[in-house]
Amino acid sequence: MENVLLTGVLVILFTLVGAGVAGYLAYSRGREAGVRAEKERQNAVRQGAEEHAARIIAEAEASAKQMQLAIKEEEVQRRKEMDAEALRRRNELEKIEERLQNRLDTAERRLQQIENRERKLNQRESRCNEREARLTNVEEEWAAELQRVANMTTEEAQKVLLERVEQQTRQEMARKIREVEAQTAEEADRHAREILTMAIERIASDHVSEFAVSTVDLPSDEMKGRIIGRQGRNIRAIEQALGVDLVVDDTPEAIIISCFDPIRREVARMALSKLVSDGRIHPARIEKEVEKAQQEIERIVIESGEQAMLEAGVSGLHREVQKILGRLKFRTSYGQNQLAHAVETAKLAGMIAAELHANVKVAKMGGLLHDLGKAVTHEIDGPHAIVGAEIARRYNVPDVVVNAIASHHGEVEPESIEAVIVAAADAISGARPGARRESLETYIKRVTELEEIGNSFKGVSQTYAIQAGREIRVLVRPEEVDDLASIQLSRDIAKKIEDNLQYPGQIRVTVVRETRAVEYAK
């Protein structure tokens, strides 16, 4: 019983102890769970606090940024307002300154006007004083003259009277001289115009343009490649054989020949035309065609010389002279064909010689051969008139004709009326309308030289070249040049132009003398 009881007690005791241990363990586990829960809660609270603090900080930063932006915008706005205010004040200052400047300018103009008026008043007062002084002097002179005349003899009075009459009639003398000269010149001009008009109206010649290039038409642009040849051998052969330059450019169906020798250029044109029409272009063929073209040009030259002699009515010239004359067919000067010009000059010279009862045959021969030297000026140095005269003398042309050739540009003095007629006919043929073209540089140079010659004389205030250099107007100072001196001045200027310039036709010199009195009504 006691064992059972003890066992029961022990069992109860163990049960209680087990329950206590289990309770303790449960309590321990609950406590740990509570601690963990507390920790989790505290962590959650801390995390929430941190997030709240972060939100507060972010909101504070955003608010600070907004405040900074607002401050900056306010600063910008104030700066704009300050700039606008400064600009407005600057504009106001500029307007004030402009008004002050205008007032200052107005004041200066008024002061200048006052000074000008004062100067004019002083000048008027000075002129009045001068006039008064002159009147006083005139009165004194007349008084002295009256006293002198009262004591003068008859011869002395006549002498004084003649001197005064001479002084008073100087203007009338000048007028009479001008009338006589004008009448004489008009009569001479009328007679000369009749002769020249009659000669010119019977002459007509073609106008030929002056070029340094010729153009050869091609059947197609493919022919350009055949003319050039493989590696350029054909075009080199053509240029070497003819002494010309061939220009192959973008011009459609054409090739340009450039050369300053008109005969070589014509030979090249003829030879190249035959090569193009034949189609066989190679160095051997080129040499053959060039030789044929040279022979053809030589034949044309001789025929042209003979035809020119027939047209001009000249005979008896040497064969070589005819040949040199025919070369002028391919020479132009200022757009005028030189052979046609020679024939025209011969006809004009013959007509003028017939009217003046001079030697028509000499005049025609001199006119036909006057430019003979131009055919060889690229071979012989010297003026073409002298060169042509030497050639004519070499082939037994008469001496009177040789002199006409040498003197038609003034290098040699003319020795006969026929020489003067040849020079005049040459000038008429070159100066007639449509005969020549004068380059702009030559024209400007000639006009400038005319004005410089006029201005070189004493008493000339200004010179103007008008009518394309056919007339110059010379304005003189009336206090330095009187009417008689004006007549002499026009002659001197014309003589200097004749001595220093070369020109076709004639140049009219007009001297203008005038006195102007200008006054202003205030």
Protein backbone atom coordinates (compact mmCIF):
# COMPACT_ATOMS: atom_id res chain seq x y z
CA MET A 1 0.00 0.00 0.00
CA GLU A 2 2.71 2.27 0.95
CA ASN A 3 4.52 1.28 -2.21
CA VAL A 4 1.46 1.89 -4.21
CA LEU A 5 0.98 5.18 -2.52
CA LEU A 6 4.56 6.06 -2.94
CA THR A 7 4.36 5.04 -6.51
CA GLY A 8 1.27 7.19 -6.96
CA VAL A 9 2.93 10.04 -5.24
CA LEU A 10 5.94 9.62 -7.44
CA VAL A 11 3.73 9.37 -10.48
CA ILE A 12 1.88 12.53 -9.49
CA LEU A 13 5.12 14.15 -8.63
CA PHE A 14 6.63 13.23 -11.99
CA THR A 15 3.45 14.32 -13.68
CA LEU A 16 3.57 17.66 -11.99
CA VAL A 17 7.23 18.00 -12.69
CA GLY A 18 6.60 17.07 -16.38
CA ALA A 19 3.71 19.51 -16.56
CA GLY A 20 5.87 22.22 -15.00
CA VAL A 21 8.69 21.46 -17.40
CA ALA A 22 6.23 21.43 -20.30
CA GLY A 23 4.72 24.68 -19.08
CA TYR A 24 8.12 26.17 -18.70
CA LEU A 25 9.08 25.02 -22.13
CA ALA A 26 5.82 26.38 -23.50
CA TYR A 27 6.41 29.61 -21.67
CA SER A 28 9.91 29.77 -23.01
CA ARG A 29 8.70 29.13 -26.52
CA GLY A 30 5.92 31.68 -26.15
CA ARG A 31 8.34 34.18 -24.78
CA GLU A 32 10.72 33.63 -27.66
CA ALA A 33 7.84 33.95 -30.09
CA GLY A 34 6.77 37.15 -28.33
CA VAL A 35 10.30 38.45 -28.51
CA ARG A 36 10.45 37.62 -32.19
CA ALA A 37 7.08 39.21 -32.79
CA GLU A 38 8.18 42.27 -30.85
CA LYS A 39 11.32 42.44 -32.85
CA GLU A 40 9.34 42.10 -36.05
CA ARG A 41 6.94 44.77 -34.86
CA GLN A 42 9.80 47.02 -33.88
CA ASN A 43 11.43 46.37 -37.24
CA ALA A 44 8.19 47.18 -38.98
CA VAL A 45 7.80 50.33 -36.89
CA ARG A 46 11.40 51.32 -37.61
CA GLN A 47 11.00 50.62 -41.28
CA GLY A 48 7.80 52.64 -41.38
CA ALA A 49 9.53 55.43 -39.52
CA GLU A 50 12.42 55.35 -41.99
CA GLU A 51 10.03 55.39 -44.94
CA HIS A 52 8.10 58.25 -43.38
CA ALA A 53 11.36 60.09 -42.71
CA ALA A 54 12.42 59.46 -46.35
CA ARG A 55 9.07 60.81 -47.58
CA ILE A 56 9.47 63.84 -45.35
CA ILE A 57 13.01 64.38 -46.66
CA ALA A 58 11.90 63.95 -50.31
CA GLU A 59 9.00 66.34 -49.77
CA ALA A 60 11.37 68.78 -48.10
CA GLU A 61 13.83 68.52 -51.00
CA ALA A 62 11.03 68.96 -53.58
CA SER A 63 9.74 71.94 -51.63
CA ALA A 64 13.28 73.37 -51.50
CA LYS A 65 13.65 72.90 -55.28
CA GLN A 66 10.33 74.57 -55.92
CA MET A 67 11.39 77.42 -53.69
CA GLN A 68 14.69 77.73 -55.56
CA LEU A 69 12.87 77.72 -58.92
CA ALA A 70 10.47 80.30 -57.67
CA ILE A 71 13.37 82.42 -56.42
CA LYS A 72 15.16 82.07 -59.77
CA GLU A 73 12.01 82.92 -61.71
CA GLU A 74 11.54 85.92 -59.51
CA GLU A 75 15.17 86.96 -60.11
CA VAL A 76 14.74 86.51 -63.90
CA GLN A 77 11.55 88.51 -63.85
CA ARG A 78 13.18 91.28 -61.84
CA ARG A 79 16.20 91.24 -64.15
CA LYS A 80 13.90 91.55 -67.19
CA GLU A 81 12.09 94.41 -65.56
CA MET A 82 15.41 96.08 -64.77
CA ASP A 83 16.64 95.56 -68.36
CA ALA A 84 13.41 96.92 -69.77
CA GLU A 85 13.66 99.92 -67.48
CA ALA A 86 17.30 100.45 -68.47
CA LEU A 87 16.41 100.18 -72.18
CA ARG A 88 13.55 102.62 -71.76
CA ARG A 89 15.81 105.08 -69.99
CA ARG A 90 18.52 104.57 -72.65
CA ASN A 91 16.00 105.27 -75.43
CA GLU A 92 14.83 108.36 -73.61
CA LEU A 93 18.44 109.50 -73.25
CA GLU A 94 19.09 108.86 -76.96
CA LYS A 95 15.99 110.82 -77.93
CA ILE A 96 17.06 113.66 -75.67
CA GLU A 97 20.56 113.50 -77.16
CA GLU A 98 19.13 113.48 -80.71
CA ARG A 99 16.95 116.49 -79.95
CA LEU A 100 19.95 118.29 -78.50
CA GLN A 101 22.05 117.38 -81.56
CA ASN A 102 19.30 118.62 -83.90
CA ARG A 103 19.09 121.85 -81.99
CA LEU A 104 22.88 122.14 -82.14
CA ASP A 105 22.86 121.50 -85.92
CA THR A 106 20.09 124.03 -86.40
CA ALA A 107 22.00 126.55 -84.36
CA GLU A 108 25.16 125.87 -86.42
CA ARG A 109 23.23 126.23 -89.71
CA ARG A 110 21.72 129.47 -88.55
CA LEU A 111 25.14 130.67 -87.49
CA GLN A 112 26.54 129.65 -90.89
CA GLN A 113 23.70 131.48 -92.66
CA ILE A 114 24.37 134.54 -90.58
CA GLU A 115 28.08 134.32 -91.42
CA ASN A 116 27.29 133.88 -95.13
CA ARG A 117 24.95 136.85 -95.09
CA GLU A 118 27.56 138.88 -93.29
CA ARG A 119 30.19 137.79 -95.83
CA LYS A 120 27.91 138.69 -98.74
CA LEU A 121 27.16 142.04 -97.17
CA ASN A 122 30.86 142.64 -96.77
CA GLN A 123 31.43 141.63 -100.39
CA ARG A 124 28.67 143.90 -101.60
CA GLU A 125 30.07 146.69 -99.50
CA SER A 126 33.52 145.97 -100.93
CA ARG A 127 32.14 145.98 -104.50
CA CYS A 128 30.32 149.20 -103.84
CA ASN A 129 33.52 150.71 -102.53
CA GLU A 130 35.41 149.44 -105.59
CA ARG A 131 32.78 150.84 -107.94
CA GLU A 132 32.85 154.12 -106.12
CA ALA A 133 36.64 154.16 -106.36
CA ARG A 134 36.50 153.32 -110.10
CA LEU A 135 33.95 156.03 -110.72
CA THR A 136 36.15 158.47 -108.88
CA ASN A 137 39.15 157.38 -110.95
CA VAL A 138 37.14 157.65 -114.17
CA GLU A 139 36.03 161.13 -113.22
CA GLU A 140 39.61 162.10 -112.48
CA GLU A 141 40.80 160.53 -115.76
CA TRP A 142 38.13 162.36 -117.75
CA ALA A 143 39.01 165.59 -116.00
CA ALA A 144 42.70 165.04 -116.77
CA GLU A 145 41.82 164.03 -120.35
CA LEU A 146 39.77 167.16 -120.84
CA GLN A 147 42.62 169.24 -119.53
CA ARG A 148 45.07 167.40 -121.82
CA VAL A 149 42.82 167.70 -124.90
CA ALA A 150 42.51 171.37 -124.31
CA ASN A 151 46.29 171.69 -124.72
CA MET A 152 46.63 169.00 -127.51
CA THR A 153 47.64 169.73 -131.10
CA THR A 154 45.70 168.51 -134.16
CA GLU A 155 48.20 165.72 -134.91
CA GLU A 156 48.14 164.51 -131.32
CA ALA A 157 44.34 164.51 -131.28
CA GLN A 158 44.26 162.53 -134.54
CA LYS A 159 46.71 159.97 -133.13
CA VAL A 160 44.67 159.47 -129.96
CA LEU A 161 41.50 159.18 -132.02
CA LEU A 162 43.05 156.57 -134.31
CA GLU A 163 44.24 154.51 -131.33
CA ARG A 164 40.75 154.51 -129.84
CA VAL A 165 39.17 153.66 -133.18
CA GLU A 166 41.62 150.75 -133.57
CA GLN A 167 40.77 149.40 -130.13
CA GLN A 168 37.04 149.69 -130.80
CA THR A 169 37.26 147.98 -134.21
CA ARG A 170 39.26 144.94 -133.10
CA GLN A 171 36.02 143.01 -132.54
CA GLU A 172 34.72 144.11 -135.95
CA MET A 173 38.00 143.03 -137.57
CA ALA A 174 37.77 139.63 -135.97
CA ARG A 175 34.18 139.24 -137.15
CA LYS A 176 35.12 140.20 -140.70
CA ILE A 177 38.02 137.76 -140.69
CA ARG A 178 35.75 134.97 -139.54
CA GLU A 179 33.19 135.82 -142.21
CA VAL A 180 35.80 135.81 -144.99
CA GLU A 181 37.32 132.55 -143.73
CA ALA A 182 33.90 130.96 -143.40
CA GLN A 183 32.93 132.04 -146.91
CA THR A 184 36.21 130.76 -148.36
CA ALA A 185 35.99 127.49 -146.47
CA GLU A 186 32.37 127.04 -147.50
CA GLU A 187 33.22 127.57 -151.17
CA ALA A 188 36.18 125.18 -150.95
CA ASP A 189 34.12 122.61 -149.06
CA ARG A 190 31.32 122.85 -151.60
CA HIS A 191 33.66 122.27 -154.51
CA ALA A 192 35.49 119.45 -152.70
CA ARG A 193 32.20 117.82 -151.75
CA GLU A 194 31.08 117.87 -155.36
CA ILE A 195 34.26 116.09 -156.48
CA LEU A 196 34.29 113.58 -153.60
CA THR A 197 30.54 112.90 -153.76
CA MET A 198 30.76 112.22 -157.47
CA ALA A 199 33.70 109.84 -156.86
CA ILE A 200 32.18 108.05 -153.88
CA GLU A 201 28.72 107.55 -155.37
CA ARG A 202 30.31 105.57 -158.21
CA ILE A 203 32.17 103.24 -155.83
CA ALA A 204 30.70 100.31 -153.90
CA SER A 205 32.65 97.65 -152.06
CA ASP A 206 31.82 94.81 -149.70
CA HIS A 207 32.47 94.96 -145.98
CA VAL A 208 34.55 92.00 -144.76
CA SER A 209 34.93 91.25 -141.05
CA GLU A 210 38.42 90.79 -139.64
CA PHE A 211 39.06 87.45 -137.95
CA ALA A 212 42.07 85.53 -136.79
CA VAL A 213 40.18 82.22 -136.92
CA SER A 214 38.33 80.14 -139.52
CA THR A 215 35.74 77.44 -139.00
CA VAL A 216 35.46 74.15 -140.90
CA ASP A 217 32.08 72.40 -140.81
CA LEU A 218 32.07 68.66 -140.06
CA PRO A 219 29.45 66.11 -141.13
CA SER A 220 29.32 64.77 -137.55
CA ASP A 221 31.14 64.97 -134.23
CA GLU A 222 32.62 61.55 -134.94
CA MET A 223 34.88 63.22 -137.51
CA LYS A 224 36.64 65.12 -134.67
CA GLY A 225 38.10 61.87 -133.39
CA ARG A 226 39.35 60.94 -136.86
CA ILE A 227 40.98 64.37 -137.24
CA ILE A 228 42.74 63.96 -133.90
CA GLY A 229 43.85 60.43 -134.78
CA ARG A 230 45.41 57.76 -132.63
CA GLN A 231 47.28 59.44 -129.78
CA GLY A 232 46.88 62.76 -131.62
CA ARG A 233 49.14 61.94 -134.57
CA ASN A 234 46.79 63.35 -137.24
CA ILE A 235 46.21 66.71 -135.57
CA ARG A 236 49.96 67.06 -134.89
CA ALA A 237 50.73 66.31 -138.53
CA ILE A 238 48.18 68.94 -139.67
CA GLU A 239 49.53 71.63 -137.32
CA GLN A 240 53.17 70.94 -138.27
CA ALA A 241 52.47 70.89 -142.01
CA LEU A 242 50.34 74.07 -142.00
CA GLY A 243 51.75 76.13 -139.10
CA VAL A 244 48.31 76.68 -137.55
CA ASP A 245 46.51 75.72 -134.35
CA LEU A 246 43.44 73.46 -134.51
CA VAL A 247 40.93 74.01 -131.72
CA VAL A 248 38.70 71.00 -131.08
CA ASP A 249 36.13 72.03 -128.47
CA ASP A 250 32.45 71.48 -127.68
CA THR A 251 31.27 73.37 -130.77
CA PRO A 252 28.89 70.92 -132.49
CA GLU A 253 30.00 69.64 -135.93
CA ALA A 254 32.77 72.24 -136.33
CA ILE A 255 36.50 72.66 -135.81
CA ILE A 256 38.30 76.00 -135.48
CA ILE A 257 41.55 76.99 -137.25
CA SER A 258 43.53 79.71 -135.45
CA CYS A 259 46.39 81.59 -137.15
CA PHE A 260 47.33 85.25 -137.62
CA ASP A 261 48.69 84.61 -141.14
CA PRO A 262 45.57 84.74 -143.33
CA ILE A 263 47.15 82.79 -146.21
CA ARG A 264 48.26 79.89 -143.98
CA ARG A 265 44.81 79.93 -142.40
CA GLU A 266 43.14 79.73 -145.82
CA VAL A 267 45.46 76.90 -146.91
CA ALA A 268 44.57 75.03 -143.71
CA ARG A 269 40.85 75.58 -144.23
CA MET A 270 40.97 74.36 -147.82
CA ALA A 271 43.13 71.30 -147.01
CA LEU A 272 41.06 70.32 -143.96
CA SER A 273 37.81 70.68 -145.94
CA LYS A 274 39.12 68.29 -148.59
CA LEU A 275 40.31 65.81 -145.96
CA VAL A 276 36.91 65.87 -144.25
CA SER A 277 34.99 65.41 -147.50
CA ASP A 278 37.32 62.56 -148.59
CA GLY A 279 37.27 60.83 -145.18
CA ARG A 280 40.80 59.38 -145.47
CA ILE A 281 42.84 61.16 -142.82
CA HIS A 282 46.41 60.03 -142.13
CA PRO A 283 49.83 61.80 -142.19
CA ALA A 284 50.68 60.89 -145.80
CA ARG A 285 47.27 62.02 -147.05
CA ILE A 286 47.55 65.22 -145.01
CA GLU A 287 50.88 66.18 -146.65
CA LYS A 288 49.43 65.55 -150.11
CA GLU A 289 46.30 67.66 -149.50
CA VAL A 290 48.36 70.47 -147.94
CA GLU A 291 50.57 70.61 -151.03
CA LYS A 292 47.50 70.74 -153.29
CA ALA A 293 45.92 73.50 -151.16
CA GLN A 294 49.12 75.57 -151.30
CA GLN A 295 49.20 75.31 -155.09
CA GLU A 296 45.51 76.24 -155.26
CA ILE A 297 46.03 79.30 -153.00
CA GLU A 298 49.01 80.40 -155.11
CA ARG A 299 46.82 80.19 -158.21
CA ILE A 300 44.07 82.17 -156.48
CA VAL A 301 46.59 84.81 -155.38
CA ILE A 302 47.86 85.32 -158.93
CA GLU A 303 44.32 85.43 -160.37
CA SER A 304 43.23 87.89 -157.67
CA GLY A 305 46.13 90.23 -158.52
CA GLU A 306 45.27 90.09 -162.22
CA GLN A 307 41.57 90.65 -161.50
CA ALA A 308 42.37 93.64 -159.27
CA MET A 309 44.47 95.17 -162.06
CA LEU A 310 41.61 94.72 -164.52
CA GLU A 311 39.06 96.26 -162.15
CA ALA A 312 41.32 99.23 -161.37
CA GLY A 313 42.31 99.76 -165.01
CA VAL A 314 46.04 99.38 -164.34
CA SER A 315 48.48 97.51 -166.58
CA GLY A 316 52.20 96.97 -167.04
CA LEU A 317 53.00 95.61 -163.54
CA HIS A 318 55.65 92.96 -162.92
CA ARG A 319 54.48 89.40 -162.28
CA GLU A 320 55.84 89.43 -158.72
CA VAL A 321 54.05 92.70 -157.99
CA GLN A 322 50.81 91.10 -159.19
CA LYS A 323 51.46 88.11 -156.92
CA ILE A 324 52.16 90.29 -153.85
CA LEU A 325 49.07 92.38 -154.67
CA GLY A 326 46.92 89.23 -154.85
CA ARG A 327 48.00 88.25 -151.30
CA LEU A 328 46.03 91.25 -150.05
CA LYS A 329 42.87 89.26 -150.85
CA PHE A 330 43.42 87.38 -147.60
CA ARG A 331 44.37 90.46 -145.53
CA THR A 332 41.91 92.71 -143.68
CA SER A 333 42.38 95.89 -141.66
CA TYR A 334 39.73 97.10 -139.21
CA GLY A 335 37.25 94.80 -140.95
CA GLN A 336 38.03 96.08 -144.47
CA ASN A 337 39.42 93.69 -147.11
CA GLN A 338 42.73 95.14 -148.24
CA LEU A 339 42.51 94.07 -151.90
CA ALA A 340 39.01 95.53 -152.24
CA HIS A 341 40.29 98.64 -150.43
CA ALA A 342 43.19 98.92 -152.91
CA VAL A 343 40.86 98.65 -155.93
CA GLU A 344 38.45 101.16 -154.38
CA THR A 345 41.31 103.58 -153.65
CA ALA A 346 42.55 103.25 -157.24
CA LYS A 347 39.10 104.07 -158.63
CA LEU A 348 38.64 107.02 -156.30
CA ALA A 349 42.11 108.35 -157.09
CA GLY A 350 41.45 108.05 -160.83
CA MET A 351 38.15 109.93 -160.59
CA ILE A 352 39.62 112.71 -158.46
CA ALA A 353 42.65 113.01 -160.78
CA ALA A 354 40.33 113.28 -163.78
CA GLU A 355 38.38 116.10 -162.11
CA LEU A 356 41.59 117.94 -161.19
CA HIS A 357 43.20 117.31 -164.62
CA ALA A 358 46.04 115.27 -163.10
CA ASN A 359 47.67 112.07 -164.40
CA VAL A 360 44.89 109.48 -164.07
CA LYS A 361 47.16 106.49 -164.84
CA VAL A 362 49.69 107.43 -162.12
CA ALA A 363 46.91 108.10 -159.62
CA LYS A 364 45.25 104.72 -160.30
CA MET A 365 48.53 102.80 -160.06
CA GLY A 366 49.48 104.61 -156.85
CA GLY A 367 46.05 103.90 -155.35
CA LEU A 368 46.19 100.21 -156.31
CA LEU A 369 49.70 99.69 -154.91
CA HIS A 370 49.64 102.07 -151.91
CA ASP A 371 49.17 99.22 -149.37
CA LEU A 372 51.45 96.75 -151.14
CA GLY A 373 53.70 96.55 -148.07
CA LYS A 374 50.89 95.16 -145.89
CA ALA A 375 51.16 91.84 -147.74
CA VAL A 376 54.69 91.30 -146.34
CA THR A 377 54.71 93.27 -143.06
CA HIS A 378 54.92 90.00 -141.10
CA GLU A 379 58.10 89.15 -143.04
CA ILE A 380 59.82 92.58 -143.31
CA ASP A 381 60.15 95.11 -140.48
CA GLY A 382 59.19 98.73 -141.04
CA PRO A 383 56.17 100.90 -141.93
CA HIS A 384 54.09 99.30 -144.66
CA ALA A 385 54.26 102.47 -146.81
CA ILE A 386 58.09 102.40 -146.89
CA VAL A 387 58.19 98.61 -147.37
CA GLY A 388 55.69 98.82 -150.24
CA ALA A 389 57.67 101.63 -151.89
CA GLU A 390 60.88 99.55 -151.73
CA ILE A 391 59.13 96.56 -153.33
CA ALA A 392 57.69 98.77 -156.08
CA ARG A 393 61.08 100.36 -156.77
CA ARG A 394 62.69 96.90 -156.95
CA TYR A 395 60.33 95.88 -159.77
CA ASN A 396 60.76 99.09 -161.84
CA VAL A 397 57.53 100.87 -160.88
CA PRO A 398 57.75 104.58 -161.94
CA ASP A 399 59.30 106.90 -159.35
CA VAL A 400 56.25 109.14 -159.14
CA VAL A 401 54.16 106.07 -158.17
CA VAL A 402 56.82 104.97 -155.66
CA ASN A 403 56.63 108.41 -154.03
CA ALA A 404 52.84 108.18 -153.88
CA ILE A 405 53.12 104.80 -152.11
CA ALA A 406 55.74 106.04 -149.62
CA SER A 407 53.98 109.32 -148.80
CA HIS A 408 50.37 108.23 -148.36
CA HIS A 409 50.80 108.12 -144.53
CA GLY A 410 53.21 111.05 -144.22
CA GLU A 411 56.48 109.14 -143.73
CA VAL A 412 57.79 110.87 -146.90
CA GLU A 413 56.83 114.27 -148.32
CA PRO A 414 54.60 114.05 -151.45
CA GLU A 415 56.33 115.21 -154.62
CA SER A 416 53.33 115.39 -156.95
CA ILE A 417 49.63 116.16 -156.96
CA GLU A 418 48.99 112.47 -157.72
CA ALA A 419 50.65 111.52 -154.41
CA VAL A 420 48.29 113.88 -152.55
CA ILE A 421 45.33 112.46 -154.46
CA VAL A 422 46.34 108.88 -153.48
CA ALA A 423 46.54 109.86 -149.79
CA ALA A 424 43.12 111.53 -150.01
CA ALA A 425 41.56 108.54 -151.79
CA ASP A 426 43.03 106.19 -149.16
CA ALA A 427 41.50 108.29 -146.38
CA ILE A 428 38.11 108.41 -148.15
CA SER A 429 38.03 104.64 -148.68
CA GLY A 430 38.95 103.96 -145.07
CA ALA A 431 36.71 106.64 -143.55
CA ARG A 432 33.49 106.08 -145.46
CA PRO A 433 30.59 104.72 -143.35
CA GLY A 434 30.73 100.94 -142.99
CA ALA A 435 34.25 100.55 -144.33
CA ARG A 436 36.11 99.89 -141.11
CA ARG A 437 35.65 98.91 -137.50
CA GLU A 438 37.77 100.69 -134.95
CA SER A 439 38.63 98.85 -131.74
CA LEU A 440 37.41 100.37 -128.48
CA GLU A 441 40.95 100.74 -127.10
CA THR A 442 42.15 102.60 -130.24
CA TYR A 443 39.10 104.85 -130.20
CA ILE A 444 39.52 105.77 -126.52
CA LYS A 445 43.23 106.43 -127.02
CA ARG A 446 42.61 108.71 -130.00
CA VAL A 447 39.87 110.69 -128.23
CA THR A 448 42.07 111.09 -125.14
CA GLU A 449 44.99 112.33 -127.25
CA LEU A 450 42.72 114.86 -128.98
CA GLU A 451 41.58 116.29 -125.64
CA GLU A 452 45.15 116.38 -124.33
CA ILE A 453 46.32 118.32 -127.39
CA GLY A 454 43.55 120.89 -126.91
CA ASN A 455 44.28 121.28 -123.19
CA SER A 456 48.01 121.78 -123.83
CA PHE A 457 47.53 125.34 -125.15
CA LYS A 458 47.58 128.40 -122.91
CA GLY A 459 44.23 129.98 -122.13
CA VAL A 460 42.22 126.75 -122.69
CA SER A 461 39.89 125.87 -119.83
CA GLN A 462 38.48 122.57 -121.17
CA THR A 463 38.46 120.44 -124.34
CA TYR A 464 35.76 117.95 -125.35
CA ALA A 465 36.00 115.40 -128.17
CA ILE A 466 32.58 114.84 -129.77
CA GLN A 467 31.03 113.06 -132.77
CA ALA A 468 33.22 109.97 -132.28
CA GLY A 469 36.40 112.04 -132.44
CA ARG A 470 35.45 113.90 -135.63
CA GLU A 471 35.26 117.25 -133.81
CA ILE A 472 36.73 118.83 -130.69
CA ARG A 473 35.20 121.76 -128.79
CA VAL A 474 37.78 123.97 -127.10
CA LEU A 475 36.51 126.30 -124.35
CA VAL A 476 38.84 129.23 -123.63
CA ARG A 477 39.04 131.79 -120.84
CA PRO A 478 37.72 135.08 -122.27
CA GLU A 479 40.01 137.19 -120.08
CA GLU A 480 43.08 135.47 -121.57
CA VAL A 481 42.05 134.84 -125.20
CA ASP A 482 40.33 137.49 -127.37
CA ASP A 483 38.57 136.94 -130.71
CA LEU A 484 41.67 137.31 -132.86
CA ALA A 485 43.62 134.96 -130.61
CA SER A 486 40.74 132.42 -130.83
CA ILE A 487 41.16 132.25 -134.62
CA GLN A 488 44.89 131.71 -134.28
CA LEU A 489 44.36 129.13 -131.52
CA SER A 490 42.07 127.00 -133.72
CA ARG A 491 44.73 126.98 -136.45
CA ASP A 492 47.49 126.03 -134.00
CA ILE A 493 45.46 123.16 -132.53
CA ALA A 494 44.56 121.83 -135.99
CA LYS A 495 48.24 121.99 -137.03
CA LYS A 496 49.34 120.11 -133.89
CA ILE A 497 46.72 117.40 -134.49
CA GLU A 498 47.93 116.97 -138.06
CA ASP A 499 51.55 116.67 -136.89
CA ASN A 500 50.97 114.25 -134.00
CA LEU A 501 48.01 111.98 -134.83
CA GLN A 502 47.06 109.49 -137.53
CA TYR A 503 43.32 109.46 -138.33
CA PRO A 504 40.97 108.85 -141.26
CA GLY A 505 39.08 111.78 -142.77
CA GLN A 506 39.26 115.16 -141.05
CA ILE A 507 38.79 116.56 -137.53
CA ARG A 508 36.97 119.84 -136.95
CA VAL A 509 38.40 122.20 -134.32
CA THR A 510 35.87 124.62 -132.78
CA VAL A 511 37.10 127.27 -130.32
CA VAL A 512 34.35 128.69 -128.08
CA ARG A 513 34.86 132.02 -126.32
CA GLU A 514 32.06 133.43 -124.20
CA THR A 515 31.64 135.84 -121.32
CA ARG A 516 29.10 135.15 -118.58
CA ALA A 517 27.83 137.54 -115.93
CA VAL A 518 25.97 135.89 -113.06
CA GLU A 519 24.18 137.67 -110.23
CA TYR A 520 21.58 136.57 -107.68
CA ALA A 521 18.48 138.52 -106.62
CA LYS A 522 18.11 138.36 -102.85
